[in-house]
Structures are given as structure tokens and as C-alpha cells.
Amino acid sequence: MLASATGLTAGTTYNLVRTLVHEGYLAAEPDGVVLGKRFPSFQGQISARGVFLARVRAALREVTDEVGATAYLSRFDDGEVHLVDIVDATHNPRVELWVGLHSSAHATALGKQILANLDEGGRLDYLSRHRLEELTPKTISDRRTLLTQLEHSPRWVVDDEEYSVGSTCVAVPVIAPNLTASLAISLPADRAIVDGELVHKLQRAARRLSLQLGADAMEAGDAGRGPGDEFTI
């Protein structure tokens, strides 16, 4: 794919990527390469964006290995729900994301968990700016019904074929300073068993990630801010 995009031969591309990994400008992952710690744009932000992405990838891989399902993380930023990262499971591949989270938060566990974490004003503001499109016959497209479900969320939410027919997703919250996010997995609907044990595993991973991100944010703030300054992840 890189060779095709750059117009270089496969051999030349391989040698360049290997060198960049060795020098720290790229980092090898099981499913490809990502930007490394020495990449120029990370030099001034390594304690923020770079560490954030590394923490997320490690947490998702842990969930995928433990439960055998593709894991996802989304976050709420500037009034919208954004997909941050996905780690695929070998035997349970990802749901085809045919509609972006900007337009489908109401129909996804990733999005519904974030909306459940917002206060009432935040939820109403979001829903006033987004149509509740009916993506499948099971999508909740009535605002009152959706709000009732979100208000009574037991610290985890389910998307039961609301986004994609044949897929069930479960999400739990990830909360840290200046961060509202959700961690989710997807399973085939006909084999999905959403029980207390599964939810507990997800919540445990989410709590660890929340603590790590919170500690990273505190360290970044203590190292780089003056009196009265704020920090973000």
C-alpha cells in the first residue's frame, strides 16, 4: 500500500520503512506501522498525543486478546464523537463502518456511551444538531426513547443490531481529566452473550486506561504548565 502510494518499488519501500522503524520515526505494530516517538510532530507533544495513542492501542489489544473480539475506542471532542482507534480480533473482524460516528452516534454503543456520560444539557445540545437516522430496523430514531435509555444506562450500553444488522456491540465509559471516551467491542449478534462477566472485563480495562490517562495528564500538566494553566489530553 505504501509502495503504491509513493510510487516506489516494494524493495525500496521495505528498506525505507525498516530504517525509519530502527531510527524511531515509525513504530511496528502487529497490524502495520504507526508514527514513532521521534516523529517531528511528536517532539513537543510526546506526553500528550503520542502517549495517548500508545495507551489506547495497548488497552484495546489487551481487550481483544482477553475476550476475542475487535475492540474500539471513541472520544468526545469539540461537540462531536470521533473514532480514535480499532484493534481487530482474528476470528471476529470489525464491523464495517459504513456510516461515520459523526452521523451515527445514536445507533452505536461507542456513541451512546459517550452521550450517556454527558450531562442533560450536553445530550440535548448534541441531539439538536444531529438527526437520528434509522440505519437498521432496530435503530432508536425517537429522541425521547433514546434519552430515556441514556438516562438509565447502568454504566454500560449495548447496540443490538442498531448500527449494523448481524452485529452486537457493548461499550463502557473511559473518563479522565478533559476526556470523555468509550471503549467497546463488537460480536456477531447470533453469538453475542452480554453478561456480567463480559461487562466486568470491559469495565476493568476501561478503569485501567482511565487511570493511566489521568496520570499522564497530571504529569504533563505538572511538567509544562504554570500557575493557572490547564492541560488537555
C-alpha atoms as a PDB file:
ATOM      1  CA  MET A   1       0.000   0.000   0.000  1.00  0.00           C
ATOM      2  CA  LEU A   2       2.847   2.414   0.851  1.00  0.00           C
ATOM      3  CA  ALA A   3       4.693   1.396  -2.277  1.00  0.00           C
ATOM      4  CA  SER A   4       1.632   2.128  -4.401  1.00  0.00           C
ATOM      5  CA  ALA A   5       1.026   5.495  -2.728  1.00  0.00           C
ATOM      6  CA  THR A   6       4.639   6.657  -3.090  1.00  0.00           C
ATOM      7  CA  GLY A   7       5.407   5.162  -6.492  1.00  0.00           C
ATOM      8  CA  LEU A   8       8.461   3.370  -5.068  1.00  0.00           C
ATOM      9  CA  THR A   9       9.306  -0.266  -5.602  1.00  0.00           C
ATOM     10  CA  ALA A  10       8.337  -2.755  -2.919  1.00  0.00           C
ATOM     11  CA  GLY A  11      12.004  -3.394  -2.073  1.00  0.00           C
ATOM     12  CA  THR A  12      12.842   0.296  -1.693  1.00  0.00           C
ATOM     13  CA  THR A  13       9.712   0.889   0.433  1.00  0.00           C
ATOM     14  CA  TYR A  14      10.585  -2.038   2.697  1.00  0.00           C
ATOM     15  CA  ASN A  15      14.124  -0.769   3.254  1.00  0.00           C
ATOM     16  CA  LEU A  16      12.941   2.787   3.990  1.00  0.00           C
ATOM     17  CA  VAL A  17      10.278   1.618   6.448  1.00  0.00           C
ATOM     18  CA  ARG A  18      12.771  -0.680   8.188  1.00  0.00           C
ATOM     19  CA  THR A  19      15.209   2.213   8.566  1.00  0.00           C
ATOM     20  CA  LEU A  20      12.508   4.569   9.888  1.00  0.00           C
ATOM     21  CA  VAL A  21      11.426   1.962  12.441  1.00  0.00           C
ATOM     22  CA  HIS A  22      15.022   1.446  13.517  1.00  0.00           C
ATOM     23  CA  GLU A  23      15.522   5.207  13.955  1.00  0.00           C
ATOM     24  CA  GLY A  24      12.276   5.606  15.902  1.00  0.00           C
ATOM     25  CA  TYR A  25      10.354   7.670  13.349  1.00  0.00           C
ATOM     26  CA  LEU A  26       7.924   4.762  12.864  1.00  0.00           C
ATOM     27  CA  ALA A  27       6.875   2.015  15.280  1.00  0.00           C
ATOM     28  CA  ALA A  28       5.972  -1.527  14.242  1.00  0.00           C
ATOM     29  CA  GLU A  29       2.600  -2.883  15.334  1.00  0.00           C
ATOM     30  CA  PRO A  30       1.119  -6.350  14.675  1.00  0.00           C
ATOM     31  CA  ASP A  31      -1.241  -4.874  12.089  1.00  0.00           C
ATOM     32  CA  GLY A  32       1.087  -2.318  10.489  1.00  0.00           C
ATOM     33  CA  VAL A  33       3.181   0.701  11.426  1.00  0.00           C
ATOM     34  CA  VAL A  34       2.337   3.908  13.290  1.00  0.00           C
ATOM     35  CA  LEU A  35       4.225   7.129  13.858  1.00  0.00           C
ATOM     36  CA  GLY A  36       7.072   6.679  16.327  1.00  0.00           C
ATOM     37  CA  LYS A  37       8.272   8.757  19.245  1.00  0.00           C
ATOM     38  CA  ARG A  38      10.929  10.545  17.184  1.00  0.00           C
ATOM     39  CA  PHE A  39       8.470  11.713  14.527  1.00  0.00           C
ATOM     40  CA  PRO A  40       8.885  15.529  14.387  1.00  0.00           C
ATOM     41  CA  SER A  41       5.303  16.473  15.218  1.00  0.00           C
ATOM     42  CA  PHE A  42       5.510  14.406  18.409  1.00  0.00           C
ATOM     43  CA  GLN A  43       8.604  16.113  19.781  1.00  0.00           C
ATOM     44  CA  GLY A  44       6.668  18.808  21.596  1.00  0.00           C
ATOM     45  CA  GLN A  45       3.636  16.647  22.334  1.00  0.00           C
ATOM     46  CA  ILE A  46       5.005  13.245  23.319  1.00  0.00           C
ATOM     47  CA  SER A  47       3.440  13.402  26.780  1.00  0.00           C
ATOM     48  CA  ALA A  48       0.063  14.148  25.235  1.00  0.00           C
ATOM     49  CA  ARG A  49      -0.984  12.857  21.818  1.00  0.00           C
ATOM     50  CA  GLY A  50       1.769  10.272  21.371  1.00  0.00           C
ATOM     51  CA  VAL A  51       1.337   8.689  24.797  1.00  0.00           C
ATOM     52  CA  PHE A  52      -2.449   8.881  24.491  1.00  0.00           C
ATOM     53  CA  LEU A  53      -2.442   6.844  21.282  1.00  0.00           C
ATOM     54  CA  ALA A  54       0.038   4.340  22.703  1.00  0.00           C
ATOM     55  CA  ARG A  55      -2.075   3.857  25.829  1.00  0.00           C
ATOM     56  CA  VAL A  56      -5.224   3.382  23.764  1.00  0.00           C
ATOM     57  CA  ARG A  57      -3.637   0.864  21.407  1.00  0.00           C
ATOM     58  CA  ALA A  58      -2.249  -1.184  24.311  1.00  0.00           C
ATOM     59  CA  ALA A  59      -5.618  -1.180  26.117  1.00  0.00           C
ATOM     60  CA  LEU A  60      -7.529  -2.238  23.010  1.00  0.00           C
ATOM     61  CA  ARG A  61      -5.069  -5.016  22.263  1.00  0.00           C
ATOM     62  CA  GLU A  62      -5.464  -6.261  25.844  1.00  0.00           C
ATOM     63  CA  VAL A  63      -9.254  -6.368  25.474  1.00  0.00           C
ATOM     64  CA  THR A  64      -9.035  -8.107  22.099  1.00  0.00           C
ATOM     65  CA  ASP A  65      -6.719 -10.769  23.494  1.00  0.00           C
ATOM     66  CA  GLU A  66      -8.866 -11.343  26.585  1.00  0.00           C
ATOM     67  CA  VAL A  67     -12.338 -11.536  25.054  1.00  0.00           C
ATOM     68  CA  GLY A  68     -11.550 -12.448  21.447  1.00  0.00           C
ATOM     69  CA  ALA A  69     -13.481  -9.536  19.961  1.00  0.00           C
ATOM     70  CA  THR A  70     -12.497  -6.481  17.954  1.00  0.00           C
ATOM     71  CA  ALA A  71     -12.066  -3.502  20.290  1.00  0.00           C
ATOM     72  CA  TYR A  72     -12.750   0.177  19.607  1.00  0.00           C
ATOM     73  CA  LEU A  73     -12.260   3.499  21.373  1.00  0.00           C
ATOM     74  CA  SER A  74     -14.105   6.728  20.642  1.00  0.00           C
ATOM     75  CA  ARG A  75     -13.891  10.153  22.272  1.00  0.00           C
ATOM     76  CA  PHE A  76     -15.993  13.307  22.521  1.00  0.00           C
ATOM     77  CA  ASP A  77     -14.204  16.369  21.233  1.00  0.00           C
ATOM     78  CA  ASP A  78     -15.456  19.778  20.105  1.00  0.00           C
ATOM     79  CA  GLY A  79     -19.074  18.649  20.278  1.00  0.00           C
ATOM     80  CA  GLU A  80     -18.636  15.532  18.140  1.00  0.00           C
ATOM     81  CA  VAL A  81     -17.982  11.813  18.628  1.00  0.00           C
ATOM     82  CA  HIS A  82     -14.740  10.667  16.998  1.00  0.00           C
ATOM     83  CA  LEU A  83     -13.316   7.201  16.426  1.00  0.00           C
ATOM     84  CA  VAL A  84      -9.794   7.037  17.901  1.00  0.00           C
ATOM     85  CA  ASP A  85      -8.554   3.514  17.188  1.00  0.00           C
ATOM     86  CA  ILE A  86      -9.536  -0.090  16.417  1.00  0.00           C
ATOM     87  CA  VAL A  87      -7.708  -3.339  17.148  1.00  0.00           C
ATOM     88  CA  ASP A  88      -9.056  -6.287  15.172  1.00  0.00           C
ATOM     89  CA  ALA A  89      -9.660  -9.770  16.515  1.00  0.00           C
ATOM     90  CA  THR A  90      -8.677 -12.608  14.201  1.00  0.00           C
ATOM     91  CA  HIS A  91     -11.934 -14.539  14.403  1.00  0.00           C
ATOM     92  CA  ASN A  92     -14.325 -11.613  14.980  1.00  0.00           C
ATOM     93  CA  PRO A  93     -13.423  -8.896  12.452  1.00  0.00           C
ATOM     94  CA  ARG A  94     -14.552  -5.315  12.818  1.00  0.00           C
ATOM     95  CA  VAL A  95     -17.992  -4.060  11.896  1.00  0.00           C
ATOM     96  CA  GLU A  96     -17.935  -2.335   8.521  1.00  0.00           C
ATOM     97  CA  LEU A  97     -18.148   1.366   9.410  1.00  0.00           C
ATOM     98  CA  TRP A  98     -20.424   2.364   6.571  1.00  0.00           C
ATOM     99  CA  VAL A  99     -21.719   5.483   8.356  1.00  0.00           C
ATOM    100  CA  GLY A 100     -19.278   7.678  10.306  1.00  0.00           C
ATOM    101  CA  LEU A 101     -19.702   8.309  14.027  1.00  0.00           C
ATOM    102  CA  HIS A 102     -20.487  11.968  13.307  1.00  0.00           C
ATOM    103  CA  SER A 103     -23.818  10.773  11.920  1.00  0.00           C
ATOM    104  CA  SER A 104     -24.381   7.525  13.803  1.00  0.00           C
ATOM    105  CA  ALA A 105     -23.549   8.056  17.480  1.00  0.00           C
ATOM    106  CA  HIS A 106     -27.196   7.421  18.418  1.00  0.00           C
ATOM    107  CA  ALA A 107     -27.028   3.964  16.811  1.00  0.00           C
ATOM    108  CA  THR A 108     -23.668   2.759  18.147  1.00  0.00           C
ATOM    109  CA  ALA A 109     -22.565   1.587  21.561  1.00  0.00           C
ATOM    110  CA  LEU A 110     -19.484   3.799  21.159  1.00  0.00           C
ATOM    111  CA  GLY A 111     -21.619   6.870  20.652  1.00  0.00           C
ATOM    112  CA  LYS A 112     -24.424   6.061  23.076  1.00  0.00           C
ATOM    113  CA  GLN A 113     -21.981   5.519  25.933  1.00  0.00           C
ATOM    114  CA  ILE A 114     -20.472   8.957  25.345  1.00  0.00           C
ATOM    115  CA  LEU A 115     -23.909  10.570  25.162  1.00  0.00           C
ATOM    116  CA  ALA A 116     -24.825   8.821  28.425  1.00  0.00           C
ATOM    117  CA  ASN A 117     -21.756  10.372  30.052  1.00  0.00           C
ATOM    118  CA  LEU A 118     -22.726  13.912  29.061  1.00  0.00           C
ATOM    119  CA  ASP A 119     -24.927  15.996  31.309  1.00  0.00           C
ATOM    120  CA  GLU A 120     -28.506  16.687  30.259  1.00  0.00           C
ATOM    121  CA  GLY A 121     -27.587  19.950  28.549  1.00  0.00           C
ATOM    122  CA  GLY A 122     -24.784  18.298  26.612  1.00  0.00           C
ATOM    123  CA  ARG A 123     -27.027  15.497  25.394  1.00  0.00           C
ATOM    124  CA  LEU A 124     -29.785  17.870  24.309  1.00  0.00           C
ATOM    125  CA  ASP A 125     -27.272  20.096  22.518  1.00  0.00           C
ATOM    126  CA  TYR A 126     -25.822  17.130  20.637  1.00  0.00           C
ATOM    127  CA  LEU A 127     -29.223  15.752  19.646  1.00  0.00           C
ATOM    128  CA  SER A 128     -30.388  19.184  18.490  1.00  0.00           C
ATOM    129  CA  ARG A 129     -27.573  19.164  15.945  1.00  0.00           C
ATOM    130  CA  HIS A 130     -27.898  15.583  14.690  1.00  0.00           C
ATOM    131  CA  ARG A 131     -30.717  13.693  13.024  1.00  0.00           C
ATOM    132  CA  LEU A 132     -31.482  10.250  14.411  1.00  0.00           C
ATOM    133  CA  GLU A 133     -31.254   8.402  11.125  1.00  0.00           C
ATOM    134  CA  GLU A 134     -32.758   4.918  11.018  1.00  0.00           C
ATOM    135  CA  LEU A 135     -29.781   2.794   9.949  1.00  0.00           C
ATOM    136  CA  THR A 136     -31.428  -0.588  10.582  1.00  0.00           C
ATOM    137  CA  PRO A 137     -34.929  -1.694  11.624  1.00  0.00           C
ATOM    138  CA  LYS A 138     -33.671  -1.739  15.243  1.00  0.00           C
ATOM    139  CA  THR A 139     -32.195   1.770  15.326  1.00  0.00           C
ATOM    140  CA  ILE A 140     -33.699   4.002  18.009  1.00  0.00           C
ATOM    141  CA  SER A 141     -34.767   7.026  15.988  1.00  0.00           C
ATOM    142  CA  ASP A 142     -37.157   8.564  18.537  1.00  0.00           C
ATOM    143  CA  ARG A 143     -35.434  11.214  20.648  1.00  0.00           C
ATOM    144  CA  ARG A 144     -37.496  10.644  23.806  1.00  0.00           C
ATOM    145  CA  THR A 145     -36.901   6.874  23.712  1.00  0.00           C
ATOM    146  CA  LEU A 146     -33.171   7.383  23.230  1.00  0.00           C
ATOM    147  CA  LEU A 147     -32.928   9.932  26.047  1.00  0.00           C
ATOM    148  CA  THR A 148     -34.767   7.596  28.413  1.00  0.00           C
ATOM    149  CA  GLN A 149     -32.365   4.780  27.591  1.00  0.00           C
ATOM    150  CA  LEU A 150     -29.306   7.014  28.067  1.00  0.00           C
ATOM    151  CA  GLU A 151     -30.557   8.392  31.377  1.00  0.00           C
ATOM    152  CA  HIS A 152     -30.984   4.874  32.746  1.00  0.00           C
ATOM    153  CA  SER A 153     -27.734   3.456  31.394  1.00  0.00           C
ATOM    154  CA  PRO A 154     -26.174   1.132  34.027  1.00  0.00           C
ATOM    155  CA  ARG A 155     -22.619   2.286  33.283  1.00  0.00           C
ATOM    156  CA  TRP A 156     -22.602   0.279  30.077  1.00  0.00           C
ATOM    157  CA  VAL A 157     -24.646   0.305  26.874  1.00  0.00           C
ATOM    158  CA  VAL A 158     -25.494  -2.121  24.103  1.00  0.00           C
ATOM    159  CA  ASP A 159     -26.077  -1.604  20.403  1.00  0.00           C
ATOM    160  CA  ASP A 160     -28.149  -4.652  19.427  1.00  0.00           C
ATOM    161  CA  GLU A 161     -28.065  -4.526  15.612  1.00  0.00           C
ATOM    162  CA  GLU A 162     -28.937  -0.822  15.747  1.00  0.00           C
ATOM    163  CA  TYR A 163     -25.982   0.188  13.566  1.00  0.00           C
ATOM    164  CA  SER A 164     -25.370  -2.971  11.557  1.00  0.00           C
ATOM    165  CA  VAL A 165     -27.622  -5.988  11.087  1.00  0.00           C
ATOM    166  CA  GLY A 166     -25.870  -9.039  12.472  1.00  0.00           C
ATOM    167  CA  SER A 167     -23.627  -7.170  14.922  1.00  0.00           C
ATOM    168  CA  THR A 168     -23.963  -6.502  18.645  1.00  0.00           C
ATOM    169  CA  CYS A 169     -21.660  -4.011  20.375  1.00  0.00           C
ATOM    170  CA  VAL A 170     -21.084  -3.321  24.066  1.00  0.00           C
ATOM    171  CA  ALA A 171     -19.441  -0.144  25.411  1.00  0.00           C
ATOM    172  CA  VAL A 172     -18.248   1.135  28.776  1.00  0.00           C
ATOM    173  CA  PRO A 173     -17.038   4.621  29.769  1.00  0.00           C
ATOM    174  CA  VAL A 174     -13.437   5.838  29.839  1.00  0.00           C
ATOM    175  CA  ILE A 175     -13.216   9.039  31.877  1.00  0.00           C
ATOM    176  CA  ALA A 176     -10.063  11.070  32.595  1.00  0.00           C
ATOM    177  CA  PRO A 177      -9.231  14.787  33.002  1.00  0.00           C
ATOM    178  CA  ASN A 178     -10.636  16.635  29.985  1.00  0.00           C
ATOM    179  CA  LEU A 179     -11.547  13.339  28.328  1.00  0.00           C
ATOM    180  CA  THR A 180     -14.903  11.690  27.736  1.00  0.00           C
ATOM    181  CA  ALA A 181     -14.497   8.441  25.826  1.00  0.00           C
ATOM    182  CA  SER A 182     -15.885   4.949  25.458  1.00  0.00           C
ATOM    183  CA  LEU A 183     -14.360   1.516  24.960  1.00  0.00           C
ATOM    184  CA  ALA A 184     -16.368  -1.041  23.018  1.00  0.00           C
ATOM    185  CA  ILE A 185     -16.266  -4.482  21.451  1.00  0.00           C
ATOM    186  CA  SER A 186     -18.293  -5.970  18.612  1.00  0.00           C
ATOM    187  CA  LEU A 187     -19.566  -9.534  18.279  1.00  0.00           C
ATOM    188  CA  PRO A 188     -21.770 -11.437  15.830  1.00  0.00           C
ATOM    189  CA  ALA A 189     -25.335 -10.924  17.064  1.00  0.00           C
ATOM    190  CA  ASP A 190     -26.175 -14.625  16.872  1.00  0.00           C
ATOM    191  CA  ARG A 191     -23.230 -15.490  19.158  1.00  0.00           C
ATOM    192  CA  ALA A 192     -23.166 -12.447  21.448  1.00  0.00           C
ATOM    193  CA  ILE A 193     -23.612 -13.243  25.141  1.00  0.00           C
ATOM    194  CA  VAL A 194     -23.652  -9.940  27.026  1.00  0.00           C
ATOM    195  CA  ASP A 195     -23.400 -10.981  30.659  1.00  0.00           C
ATOM    196  CA  GLY A 196     -21.916  -9.631  33.861  1.00  0.00           C
ATOM    197  CA  GLU A 197     -18.559 -11.340  33.300  1.00  0.00           C
ATOM    198  CA  LEU A 198     -18.054  -9.742  29.891  1.00  0.00           C
ATOM    199  CA  VAL A 199     -19.099  -6.298  31.097  1.00  0.00           C
ATOM    200  CA  HIS A 200     -16.809  -6.618  34.131  1.00  0.00           C
ATOM    201  CA  LYS A 201     -13.816  -7.390  31.895  1.00  0.00           C
ATOM    202  CA  LEU A 202     -14.515  -4.319  29.773  1.00  0.00           C
ATOM    203  CA  GLN A 203     -15.040  -2.098  32.807  1.00  0.00           C
ATOM    204  CA  ARG A 204     -11.802  -3.330  34.348  1.00  0.00           C
ATOM    205  CA  ALA A 205      -9.851  -2.497  31.193  1.00  0.00           C
ATOM    206  CA  ALA A 206     -11.585   0.881  30.940  1.00  0.00           C
ATOM    207  CA  ARG A 207     -10.733   1.752  34.545  1.00  0.00           C
ATOM    208  CA  ARG A 208      -7.069   0.918  33.984  1.00  0.00           C
ATOM    209  CA  LEU A 209      -6.975   3.058  30.863  1.00  0.00           C
ATOM    210  CA  SER A 210      -8.741   5.921  32.663  1.00  0.00           C
ATOM    211  CA  LEU A 211      -6.190   5.821  35.493  1.00  0.00           C
ATOM    212  CA  GLN A 212      -3.262   5.719  33.063  1.00  0.00           C
ATOM    213  CA  LEU A 213      -4.568   8.635  31.012  1.00  0.00           C
ATOM    214  CA  GLY A 214      -5.339  10.593  34.148  1.00  0.00           C
ATOM    215  CA  ALA A 215      -1.811  10.059  35.460  1.00  0.00           C
ATOM    216  CA  ASP A 216      -0.324  11.028  32.091  1.00  0.00           C
ATOM    217  CA  ALA A 217      -2.382  14.220  32.047  1.00  0.00           C
ATOM    218  CA  MET A 218      -1.272  15.130  35.562  1.00  0.00           C
ATOM    219  CA  GLU A 219       2.385  14.522  34.701  1.00  0.00           C
ATOM    220  CA  ALA A 220       2.116  16.593  31.531  1.00  0.00           C
ATOM    221  CA  GLY A 221       0.411  19.383  33.428  1.00  0.00           C
ATOM    222  CA  ASP A 222       2.946  19.406  36.258  1.00  0.00           C
ATOM    223  CA  ALA A 223       5.868  19.401  33.831  1.00  0.00           C
ATOM    224  CA  GLY A 224       4.688  22.015  31.415  1.00  0.00           C
ATOM    225  CA  ARG A 225       2.151  24.389  32.915  1.00  0.00           C
ATOM    226  CA  GLY A 226       2.439  27.438  35.024  1.00  0.00           C
ATOM    227  CA  PRO A 227       0.034  28.716  37.681  1.00  0.00           C
ATOM    228  CA  GLY A 228      -3.481  28.812  36.315  1.00  0.00           C
ATOM    229  CA  ASP A 229      -2.696  26.894  33.118  1.00  0.00           C
ATOM    230  CA  GLU A 230      -4.886  23.968  32.066  1.00  0.00           C
ATOM    231  CA  PHE A 231      -3.899  20.760  30.335  1.00  0.00           C
ATOM    232  CA  THR A 232      -5.672  18.515  27.860  1.00  0.00           C
ATOM    233  CA  ILE A 233      -5.230  15.044  26.518  1.00  0.00           C
END
